[in-house]
N, C-alpha and C. Protein backbone atom coordinates (compact mmCIF):
# COMPACT_ATOMS: atom_id res chain seq x y z
N MET A 1 0.83 -1.17 0.00
CA MET A 1 0.00 0.00 0.00
C MET A 1 0.87 1.23 0.00
N GLY A 2 0.66 2.03 -1.00
CA GLY A 2 1.43 3.25 -1.13
C GLY A 2 0.64 4.45 -0.68
N ASP A 3 1.26 5.60 -0.86
CA ASP A 3 0.61 6.85 -0.47
C ASP A 3 -0.60 7.15 -1.35
N LYS A 4 -0.60 6.61 -2.55
CA LYS A 4 -1.68 6.90 -3.48
C LYS A 4 -2.98 6.22 -3.06
N GLU A 5 -2.93 5.15 -2.32
CA GLU A 5 -4.13 4.42 -1.94
C GLU A 5 -4.73 4.90 -0.62
N MET A 6 -4.12 5.88 0.05
CA MET A 6 -4.62 6.37 1.33
C MET A 6 -5.93 7.14 1.10
N LYS A 7 -6.98 6.79 1.86
CA LYS A 7 -8.28 7.43 1.70
C LYS A 7 -8.39 8.63 2.63
N GLN A 8 -9.10 9.65 2.12
CA GLN A 8 -9.30 10.87 2.90
C GLN A 8 -10.40 10.62 3.92
N GLN A 9 -10.20 11.10 5.15
CA GLN A 9 -11.20 10.97 6.20
C GLN A 9 -11.49 12.35 6.76
N GLY A 10 -12.79 12.68 6.93
CA GLY A 10 -13.17 13.97 7.51
C GLY A 10 -13.16 15.09 6.49
N PHE A 11 -13.22 16.32 7.00
CA PHE A 11 -13.25 17.52 6.17
C PHE A 11 -11.88 18.16 6.13
N THR A 12 -11.62 18.81 5.05
CA THR A 12 -10.38 19.59 4.99
C THR A 12 -10.64 20.92 5.69
N LEU A 13 -9.61 21.61 6.03
CA LEU A 13 -9.72 22.90 6.72
C LEU A 13 -10.47 23.91 5.85
N ILE A 14 -10.23 23.90 4.57
CA ILE A 14 -10.90 24.84 3.66
C ILE A 14 -12.40 24.57 3.63
N GLU A 15 -12.80 23.29 3.55
CA GLU A 15 -14.22 22.97 3.55
C GLU A 15 -14.89 23.43 4.85
N LEU A 16 -14.23 23.25 5.96
CA LEU A 16 -14.77 23.66 7.26
C LEU A 16 -14.94 25.17 7.32
N VAL A 17 -13.97 25.93 6.85
CA VAL A 17 -14.05 27.40 6.84
C VAL A 17 -15.19 27.86 5.94
N VAL A 18 -15.37 27.24 4.79
CA VAL A 18 -16.44 27.62 3.86
C VAL A 18 -17.81 27.37 4.51
N VAL A 19 -18.00 26.23 5.15
CA VAL A 19 -19.27 25.91 5.79
C VAL A 19 -19.56 26.89 6.92
N ILE A 20 -18.58 27.20 7.75
CA ILE A 20 -18.77 28.15 8.85
C ILE A 20 -19.11 29.54 8.32
N THR A 21 -18.46 29.94 7.23
CA THR A 21 -18.75 31.25 6.62
C THR A 21 -20.18 31.30 6.10
N ILE A 22 -20.62 30.25 5.44
CA ILE A 22 -21.99 30.20 4.91
C ILE A 22 -23.00 30.25 6.06
N LEU A 23 -22.75 29.50 7.13
CA LEU A 23 -23.65 29.53 8.29
C LEU A 23 -23.69 30.91 8.93
N GLY A 24 -22.56 31.59 8.99
CA GLY A 24 -22.51 32.95 9.54
C GLY A 24 -23.33 33.92 8.71
N ILE A 25 -23.24 33.81 7.39
CA ILE A 25 -24.00 34.68 6.50
C ILE A 25 -25.50 34.42 6.66
N LEU A 26 -25.89 33.16 6.74
CA LEU A 26 -27.30 32.82 6.93
C LEU A 26 -27.83 33.35 8.26
N ALA A 27 -27.04 33.22 9.31
CA ALA A 27 -27.46 33.71 10.62
C ALA A 27 -27.58 35.23 10.62
N ALA A 28 -26.66 35.91 9.95
CA ALA A 28 -26.70 37.37 9.91
C ALA A 28 -27.92 37.89 9.16
N THR A 29 -28.41 37.15 8.18
CA THR A 29 -29.60 37.59 7.45
C THR A 29 -30.89 37.15 8.14
N ALA A 30 -30.87 36.05 8.86
CA ALA A 30 -32.09 35.54 9.50
C ALA A 30 -32.40 36.25 10.81
N LEU A 31 -31.40 36.67 11.57
CA LEU A 31 -31.62 37.28 12.88
C LEU A 31 -32.47 38.55 12.80
N PRO A 32 -32.17 39.49 11.92
CA PRO A 32 -33.03 40.68 11.85
C PRO A 32 -34.48 40.35 11.48
N ARG A 33 -34.67 39.36 10.63
CA ARG A 33 -36.04 38.97 10.27
C ARG A 33 -36.76 38.37 11.48
N TYR A 34 -36.05 37.59 12.27
CA TYR A 34 -36.64 36.99 13.46
C TYR A 34 -37.03 38.07 14.46
N VAL A 35 -36.16 39.04 14.68
CA VAL A 35 -36.45 40.13 15.60
C VAL A 35 -37.64 40.94 15.09
N ALA A 36 -37.69 41.20 13.79
CA ALA A 36 -38.81 41.95 13.21
C ALA A 36 -40.12 41.19 13.38
N MET A 37 -40.08 39.86 13.27
CA MET A 37 -41.30 39.07 13.44
C MET A 37 -41.80 39.15 14.88
N GLN A 38 -40.88 39.18 15.85
CA GLN A 38 -41.29 39.32 17.25
C GLN A 38 -41.99 40.66 17.47
N ARG A 39 -41.43 41.71 16.90
CA ARG A 39 -42.02 43.05 17.02
C ARG A 39 -43.41 43.07 16.38
N GLU A 40 -43.51 42.50 15.19
CA GLU A 40 -44.81 42.46 14.50
C GLU A 40 -45.84 41.66 15.30
N ALA A 41 -45.40 40.60 15.97
CA ALA A 41 -46.31 39.80 16.79
C ALA A 41 -46.82 40.61 17.98
N ARG A 42 -45.94 41.39 18.62
CA ARG A 42 -46.37 42.24 19.74
C ARG A 42 -47.33 43.33 19.27
N ILE A 43 -47.07 43.90 18.09
CA ILE A 43 -47.97 44.91 17.54
C ILE A 43 -49.33 44.29 17.25
N ALA A 44 -49.34 43.09 16.67
CA ALA A 44 -50.60 42.40 16.37
C ALA A 44 -51.37 42.10 17.66
N LYS A 45 -50.65 41.70 18.71
CA LYS A 45 -51.30 41.44 19.99
C LYS A 45 -51.93 42.72 20.53
N ALA A 46 -51.18 43.82 20.48
CA ALA A 46 -51.70 45.10 20.97
C ALA A 46 -52.94 45.52 20.18
N GLN A 47 -52.90 45.35 18.87
CA GLN A 47 -54.04 45.73 18.04
C GLN A 47 -55.25 44.84 18.32
N GLY A 48 -55.01 43.57 18.57
CA GLY A 48 -56.10 42.66 18.93
C GLY A 48 -56.75 43.03 20.25
N LEU A 49 -55.91 43.35 21.24
CA LEU A 49 -56.44 43.76 22.54
C LEU A 49 -57.18 45.09 22.44
N TYR A 50 -56.66 45.99 21.63
CA TYR A 50 -57.31 47.28 21.40
C TYR A 50 -58.72 47.06 20.84
N GLY A 51 -58.83 46.19 19.86
CA GLY A 51 -60.14 45.88 19.29
C GLY A 51 -61.06 45.22 20.31
N ALA A 52 -60.52 44.33 21.13
CA ALA A 52 -61.33 43.66 22.15
C ALA A 52 -61.85 44.65 23.17
N ILE A 53 -61.01 45.60 23.57
CA ILE A 53 -61.42 46.60 24.56
C ILE A 53 -62.48 47.54 23.98
N ARG A 54 -62.29 47.97 22.74
CA ARG A 54 -63.29 48.84 22.09
C ARG A 54 -64.63 48.12 21.95
N SER A 55 -64.58 46.87 21.51
CA SER A 55 -65.82 46.10 21.34
C SER A 55 -66.51 45.86 22.67
N ALA A 56 -65.73 45.50 23.69
CA ALA A 56 -66.31 45.24 25.01
C ALA A 56 -66.95 46.50 25.58
N SER A 57 -66.30 47.63 25.37
CA SER A 57 -66.85 48.90 25.85
C SER A 57 -68.18 49.21 25.15
N ALA A 58 -68.23 49.02 23.85
CA ALA A 58 -69.45 49.29 23.09
C ALA A 58 -70.58 48.33 23.49
N LEU A 59 -70.24 47.05 23.67
CA LEU A 59 -71.25 46.07 24.06
C LEU A 59 -71.79 46.35 25.46
N ALA A 60 -70.90 46.70 26.38
CA ALA A 60 -71.33 47.01 27.75
C ALA A 60 -72.21 48.27 27.75
N HIS A 61 -71.85 49.24 26.93
CA HIS A 61 -72.66 50.46 26.83
C HIS A 61 -74.06 50.12 26.29
N ALA A 62 -74.12 49.29 25.26
CA ALA A 62 -75.41 48.89 24.71
C ALA A 62 -76.24 48.15 25.76
N ARG A 63 -75.58 47.28 26.52
CA ARG A 63 -76.29 46.55 27.58
C ARG A 63 -76.81 47.51 28.64
N CYS A 64 -76.02 48.52 28.97
CA CYS A 64 -76.44 49.52 29.95
C CYS A 64 -77.65 50.30 29.44
N LEU A 65 -77.63 50.66 28.17
CA LEU A 65 -78.77 51.38 27.60
C LEU A 65 -80.04 50.54 27.64
N LEU A 66 -79.89 49.22 27.44
CA LEU A 66 -81.04 48.33 27.56
C LEU A 66 -81.57 48.32 28.99
N ASP A 67 -80.67 48.31 29.97
CA ASP A 67 -81.08 48.37 31.37
C ASP A 67 -81.84 49.67 31.64
N LEU A 68 -81.31 50.77 31.15
CA LEU A 68 -81.93 52.08 31.39
C LEU A 68 -83.31 52.18 30.74
N SER A 69 -83.48 51.54 29.60
CA SER A 69 -84.76 51.61 28.89
C SER A 69 -85.81 50.68 29.49
N GLY A 70 -85.35 49.74 30.32
CA GLY A 70 -86.27 48.78 30.92
C GLY A 70 -86.60 47.60 30.02
N ILE A 71 -85.96 47.52 28.86
CA ILE A 71 -86.23 46.42 27.93
C ILE A 71 -85.72 45.10 28.49
N VAL A 72 -84.55 45.14 29.11
CA VAL A 72 -83.92 43.93 29.63
C VAL A 72 -83.59 44.15 31.10
N ALA A 73 -83.85 43.15 31.91
CA ALA A 73 -83.50 43.23 33.32
C ALA A 73 -82.23 42.45 33.58
N GLY A 74 -81.67 42.60 34.75
CA GLY A 74 -80.50 41.82 35.13
C GLY A 74 -79.33 42.66 35.55
N GLY A 75 -79.31 43.91 35.19
CA GLY A 75 -78.23 44.79 35.60
C GLY A 75 -78.77 45.91 36.47
N THR A 76 -77.87 46.68 37.03
CA THR A 76 -78.27 47.83 37.84
C THR A 76 -77.64 49.09 37.27
N CYS A 77 -77.51 49.13 35.97
CA CYS A 77 -76.86 50.26 35.32
C CYS A 77 -77.72 51.51 35.47
N THR A 78 -77.09 52.60 35.84
CA THR A 78 -77.78 53.89 35.94
C THR A 78 -76.98 54.90 35.14
N THR A 79 -77.44 56.13 35.15
CA THR A 79 -76.71 57.15 34.40
C THR A 79 -75.38 57.49 35.05
N ALA A 80 -75.17 57.13 36.31
CA ALA A 80 -73.90 57.45 36.97
C ALA A 80 -73.04 56.21 37.18
N ALA A 81 -73.57 55.22 37.87
CA ALA A 81 -72.77 54.03 38.19
C ALA A 81 -73.68 52.81 38.18
N GLY A 82 -73.14 51.68 38.59
CA GLY A 82 -73.92 50.46 38.66
C GLY A 82 -73.20 49.31 37.99
N THR A 83 -73.96 48.31 37.57
CA THR A 83 -73.39 47.16 36.89
C THR A 83 -74.24 46.81 35.68
N ALA A 84 -73.61 46.15 34.74
CA ALA A 84 -74.31 45.61 33.58
C ALA A 84 -74.01 44.12 33.53
N ALA A 85 -75.03 43.32 33.30
CA ALA A 85 -74.84 41.87 33.23
C ALA A 85 -74.32 41.50 31.85
N MET A 86 -73.12 40.91 31.82
CA MET A 86 -72.51 40.47 30.56
C MET A 86 -71.91 39.09 30.76
N GLU A 87 -72.28 38.16 29.89
CA GLU A 87 -71.74 36.80 29.95
C GLU A 87 -71.93 36.18 31.34
N GLY A 88 -73.04 36.51 31.98
CA GLY A 88 -73.35 35.93 33.27
C GLY A 88 -72.63 36.56 34.44
N THR A 89 -71.89 37.63 34.22
CA THR A 89 -71.20 38.32 35.31
C THR A 89 -71.57 39.79 35.30
N ALA A 90 -71.40 40.42 36.44
CA ALA A 90 -71.70 41.85 36.56
C ALA A 90 -70.44 42.65 36.25
N VAL A 91 -70.55 43.56 35.30
CA VAL A 91 -69.43 44.44 34.93
C VAL A 91 -69.68 45.80 35.56
N ALA A 92 -68.71 46.29 36.32
CA ALA A 92 -68.84 47.61 36.96
C ALA A 92 -68.88 48.69 35.90
N MET A 93 -69.87 49.57 36.02
CA MET A 93 -70.08 50.63 35.03
C MET A 93 -69.96 52.00 35.69
N ILE A 94 -69.55 52.97 34.91
CA ILE A 94 -69.53 54.37 35.33
C ILE A 94 -69.92 55.21 34.12
N ASN A 95 -70.89 56.07 34.28
CA ASN A 95 -71.38 56.91 33.17
C ASN A 95 -71.75 56.08 31.94
N GLN A 96 -72.41 54.95 32.18
CA GLN A 96 -72.94 54.07 31.14
C GLN A 96 -71.89 53.28 30.35
N TYR A 97 -70.65 53.30 30.78
CA TYR A 97 -69.57 52.54 30.14
C TYR A 97 -68.81 51.76 31.22
N PRO A 98 -68.04 50.73 30.84
CA PRO A 98 -67.28 49.98 31.85
C PRO A 98 -66.32 50.90 32.62
N SER A 99 -66.21 50.65 33.91
CA SER A 99 -65.28 51.43 34.73
C SER A 99 -63.85 51.02 34.39
N ARG A 100 -62.89 51.79 34.85
CA ARG A 100 -61.49 51.49 34.60
C ARG A 100 -60.94 50.50 35.63
N SER A 101 -61.75 50.07 36.56
CA SER A 101 -61.32 49.20 37.64
C SER A 101 -60.61 47.96 37.11
N THR A 102 -59.50 47.60 37.78
CA THR A 102 -58.76 46.40 37.40
C THR A 102 -58.95 45.28 38.42
N ALA A 103 -59.80 45.50 39.40
CA ALA A 103 -60.07 44.44 40.37
C ALA A 103 -60.66 43.25 39.63
N PRO A 104 -60.32 42.03 40.06
CA PRO A 104 -60.83 40.85 39.36
C PRO A 104 -62.35 40.87 39.24
N GLY A 105 -62.84 40.62 38.04
CA GLY A 105 -64.27 40.53 37.80
C GLY A 105 -64.99 41.86 37.72
N THR A 106 -64.28 42.95 37.45
CA THR A 106 -64.96 44.24 37.36
C THR A 106 -64.48 45.03 36.15
N GLY A 107 -65.23 46.04 35.80
CA GLY A 107 -64.81 47.03 34.81
C GLY A 107 -64.46 46.50 33.43
N ILE A 108 -63.66 47.29 32.73
CA ILE A 108 -63.31 46.99 31.34
C ILE A 108 -62.52 45.69 31.22
N ILE A 109 -61.73 45.37 32.23
CA ILE A 109 -60.94 44.13 32.19
C ILE A 109 -61.89 42.92 32.15
N GLN A 110 -62.95 42.98 32.95
CA GLN A 110 -63.95 41.90 32.95
C GLN A 110 -64.73 41.90 31.64
N ALA A 111 -65.14 43.07 31.19
CA ALA A 111 -65.95 43.15 29.97
C ALA A 111 -65.19 42.60 28.76
N ALA A 112 -63.89 42.88 28.69
CA ALA A 112 -63.07 42.40 27.57
C ALA A 112 -62.50 41.01 27.83
N GLN A 113 -62.75 40.48 29.01
CA GLN A 113 -62.26 39.17 29.43
C GLN A 113 -60.75 39.05 29.30
N LEU A 114 -60.04 40.07 29.80
CA LEU A 114 -58.58 40.07 29.78
C LEU A 114 -58.04 39.43 31.04
N SER A 115 -56.87 38.82 30.91
CA SER A 115 -56.19 38.21 32.04
C SER A 115 -54.69 38.43 31.88
N ALA A 116 -54.08 39.04 32.88
CA ALA A 116 -52.64 39.29 32.81
C ALA A 116 -51.86 37.98 32.71
N SER A 117 -52.33 36.94 33.39
CA SER A 117 -51.58 35.68 33.41
C SER A 117 -51.67 34.91 32.10
N THR A 118 -52.78 35.00 31.39
CA THR A 118 -52.92 34.21 30.16
C THR A 118 -52.75 35.02 28.88
N ASP A 119 -52.87 36.34 28.95
CA ASP A 119 -52.78 37.16 27.74
C ASP A 119 -51.40 37.79 27.53
N GLY A 120 -50.46 37.57 28.43
CA GLY A 120 -49.12 38.12 28.25
C GLY A 120 -49.08 39.64 28.32
N VAL A 121 -49.81 40.19 29.28
CA VAL A 121 -49.86 41.64 29.45
C VAL A 121 -49.67 42.01 30.92
N THR A 122 -49.37 43.28 31.14
CA THR A 122 -49.34 43.84 32.48
C THR A 122 -50.48 44.84 32.55
N ILE A 123 -51.32 44.71 33.55
CA ILE A 123 -52.48 45.60 33.70
C ILE A 123 -52.27 46.44 34.94
N SER A 124 -52.31 47.76 34.77
CA SER A 124 -52.15 48.65 35.92
C SER A 124 -53.15 49.78 35.83
N SER A 125 -53.53 50.25 36.99
CA SER A 125 -54.49 51.34 37.04
C SER A 125 -54.10 52.30 38.14
N GLY A 126 -53.81 53.51 37.74
CA GLY A 126 -53.56 54.56 38.72
C GLY A 126 -54.87 55.27 38.95
N VAL A 127 -54.85 56.56 38.90
CA VAL A 127 -56.08 57.32 39.06
C VAL A 127 -56.94 57.13 37.82
N ASN A 128 -56.43 57.42 36.66
CA ASN A 128 -57.11 57.25 35.37
C ASN A 128 -56.06 57.58 34.34
N PRO A 129 -55.74 56.80 33.41
CA PRO A 129 -56.42 55.65 32.83
C PRO A 129 -55.88 54.31 33.33
N THR A 130 -56.56 53.25 32.89
CA THR A 130 -56.05 51.90 33.05
C THR A 130 -55.08 51.66 31.90
N ILE A 131 -53.91 51.09 32.21
CA ILE A 131 -52.88 50.84 31.20
C ILE A 131 -52.70 49.34 31.04
N ILE A 132 -52.73 48.86 29.80
CA ILE A 132 -52.46 47.46 29.48
C ILE A 132 -51.21 47.45 28.61
N GLN A 133 -50.09 46.94 29.17
CA GLN A 133 -48.82 46.91 28.44
C GLN A 133 -48.52 45.49 27.97
N ILE A 134 -47.94 45.41 26.77
CA ILE A 134 -47.63 44.12 26.17
C ILE A 134 -46.30 43.61 26.72
N ALA A 135 -46.28 42.38 27.20
CA ALA A 135 -45.05 41.79 27.74
C ALA A 135 -44.01 41.61 26.65
N GLY A 136 -42.75 41.85 26.99
CA GLY A 136 -41.65 41.64 26.06
C GLY A 136 -41.35 42.81 25.15
N ALA A 137 -42.07 43.91 25.29
CA ALA A 137 -41.86 45.07 24.43
C ALA A 137 -40.51 45.72 24.72
N THR A 138 -39.93 46.34 23.70
CA THR A 138 -38.67 47.05 23.87
C THR A 138 -38.83 48.13 24.92
N THR A 139 -39.84 48.96 24.79
CA THR A 139 -40.17 49.99 25.77
C THR A 139 -41.64 49.80 26.13
N ALA A 140 -41.89 49.35 27.35
CA ALA A 140 -43.26 49.01 27.76
C ALA A 140 -44.22 50.19 27.61
N ALA A 141 -43.75 51.40 27.92
CA ALA A 141 -44.61 52.58 27.85
C ALA A 141 -45.00 52.93 26.42
N ASN A 142 -44.29 52.38 25.44
CA ASN A 142 -44.59 52.66 24.03
C ASN A 142 -45.16 51.44 23.32
N CYS A 143 -45.72 50.52 24.09
CA CYS A 143 -46.40 49.35 23.52
C CYS A 143 -47.55 49.02 24.46
N GLN A 144 -48.59 49.85 24.39
CA GLN A 144 -49.65 49.73 25.37
C GLN A 144 -50.98 50.26 24.84
N ILE A 145 -52.02 49.93 25.59
CA ILE A 145 -53.36 50.44 25.34
C ILE A 145 -53.78 51.14 26.63
N SER A 146 -54.35 52.33 26.50
CA SER A 146 -54.85 53.02 27.69
C SER A 146 -56.36 53.21 27.57
N TYR A 147 -57.04 53.03 28.70
CA TYR A 147 -58.49 53.16 28.77
C TYR A 147 -58.82 54.22 29.80
N THR A 148 -59.32 55.36 29.34
CA THR A 148 -59.72 56.45 30.23
C THR A 148 -61.24 56.41 30.36
N GLU A 149 -61.71 56.37 31.59
CA GLU A 149 -63.14 56.24 31.87
C GLU A 149 -63.99 57.30 31.19
N ALA A 150 -65.23 56.92 30.93
CA ALA A 150 -66.21 57.86 30.38
C ALA A 150 -66.49 58.96 31.41
N THR A 151 -66.83 60.12 30.91
CA THR A 151 -67.15 61.24 31.80
C THR A 151 -68.55 61.75 31.47
N ALA A 152 -69.12 62.47 32.43
CA ALA A 152 -70.43 63.08 32.21
C ALA A 152 -70.42 64.48 32.79
N ALA A 153 -70.93 65.42 32.01
CA ALA A 153 -71.05 66.81 32.46
C ALA A 153 -72.36 67.36 31.92
N ALA A 154 -73.15 67.93 32.80
CA ALA A 154 -74.43 68.53 32.43
C ALA A 154 -75.32 67.55 31.65
N GLY A 155 -75.28 66.29 32.06
CA GLY A 155 -76.13 65.29 31.43
C GLY A 155 -75.62 64.73 30.12
N VAL A 156 -74.45 65.18 29.67
CA VAL A 156 -73.88 64.70 28.42
C VAL A 156 -72.75 63.72 28.75
N VAL A 157 -72.88 62.49 28.28
CA VAL A 157 -71.86 61.47 28.53
C VAL A 157 -70.85 61.47 27.39
N THR A 158 -69.58 61.51 27.75
CA THR A 158 -68.50 61.42 26.77
C THR A 158 -67.92 60.01 26.86
N ALA A 159 -67.88 59.32 25.75
CA ALA A 159 -67.40 57.93 25.71
C ALA A 159 -65.97 57.84 26.21
N PRO A 160 -65.56 56.66 26.68
CA PRO A 160 -64.19 56.49 27.15
C PRO A 160 -63.18 56.69 26.02
N ALA A 161 -62.01 57.17 26.40
CA ALA A 161 -60.92 57.32 25.42
C ALA A 161 -60.09 56.04 25.46
N ILE A 162 -59.99 55.37 24.33
CA ILE A 162 -59.20 54.14 24.23
C ILE A 162 -58.11 54.43 23.21
N VAL A 163 -56.85 54.41 23.67
CA VAL A 163 -55.73 54.83 22.84
C VAL A 163 -54.70 53.70 22.77
N ILE A 164 -54.18 53.45 21.58
CA ILE A 164 -53.13 52.44 21.40
C ILE A 164 -51.83 53.13 21.00
N ASP A 165 -50.72 52.65 21.55
CA ASP A 165 -49.39 53.15 21.21
C ASP A 165 -48.51 51.94 20.91
N VAL A 166 -48.05 51.82 19.66
CA VAL A 166 -47.19 50.70 19.27
C VAL A 166 -45.88 51.21 18.66
N THR A 167 -45.41 52.37 19.14
CA THR A 167 -44.22 52.97 18.53
C THR A 167 -42.94 52.23 18.86
N ASP A 168 -42.92 51.43 19.93
CA ASP A 168 -41.68 50.73 20.28
C ASP A 168 -41.98 49.35 20.85
N CYS A 169 -42.73 48.58 20.11
CA CYS A 169 -43.05 47.22 20.55
C CYS A 169 -41.86 46.31 20.28
């Protein structure tokens, strides 16, 4: 057996360098796309929650108006405060719209059926508004939905302000 019959085993150094270079290029192009997809997913979640909150507010308001008209019983909604029966539970109302309360089973959080533990959000309420921030956002304050309670002056009810901010999700 001479040197000519020796079989090559494994990779040559050049082949290894080429494969590592190709993998590096693929990783460099895929990482920004992956990060962008995460951002888009957080924006989509925020937009979905925004829609859920707006819909829940409108449905609770409609239910309150039914209570006020006497067409449907089951709630204690009044022009100032009370509750509206939704999905078998009482939703705390203020000025004919869901309150900003974040206590379990009350207000807009109950009406929209939101849960911090299952929806991947942080729910906080100071004086006014209630803030729902999306978990994992680059800047939590710039990836949120705020719900400011409805107001009433001289018998005129102003609907709640529901604002979405997705500038830095």
